[in-house]
Amino acid sequence: MAIAAAPQQGEGSHTLRFPPRVPSEQLSGPAYQAYLMLRTTFVVAPILFGVDKFFNWMTYWPKYLWVGFPHFLSVSPQHFMYGVGVIEIVAGLGVLVLPRLAPYVVAGWLGGIITNEIILSIARNGDGGRVFWNIALRDFGLLIAAFALARLAAKYAPRRLVGTKRA
């Protein structure tokens, strides 16, 4: 489906294509398939997890938060998680709209989550509390996947939604 935003013929024509045209030989390539899987995952998962920060259906999210962060901002842990949810939703939408840039933002966000889990595990380890080293390791894998998505997007993501023919 093509939506014409300007005349189709001649210099300076603009065409908005959604979904973008992809050659069939590219669709069957493993690297492009990996790009699609990673992009879909990093759009859907942050949005779902972000929405869940408001409802705590999957788990009670504040239990994974070091108390120092909400204390620093003088908010309750649950209110802090509301902010986390908004950021995660925006990150997922960012990967949808800006697939060449947003995976780096997601990787930075995952780095912050890993830092929180390490601080929380160190703080709780001394008092015999539950530690989260396994979750930090899983999130490190997601961080690497976000970098992989960014690298694949450099090749496969459309450069822009509106194409301009230039002389």
Foldseek 3Di string as FASTA:
>chain_A
DKDWPADPDDAWGKIFDVPDDDDPVLVPDPLSVLLVVLLVCLQPVLLVVLVCLLVQPVHVPLVLADVVVCVVVVHDSSVVSNVVSVVSNVLSVCCVAPVLPSLVVVLVVLVVSLVRQVVVQVVVVVVVDDHDPVVSVVSVVVSVSSVSSNVSCVPPPDPHRMDGDDD
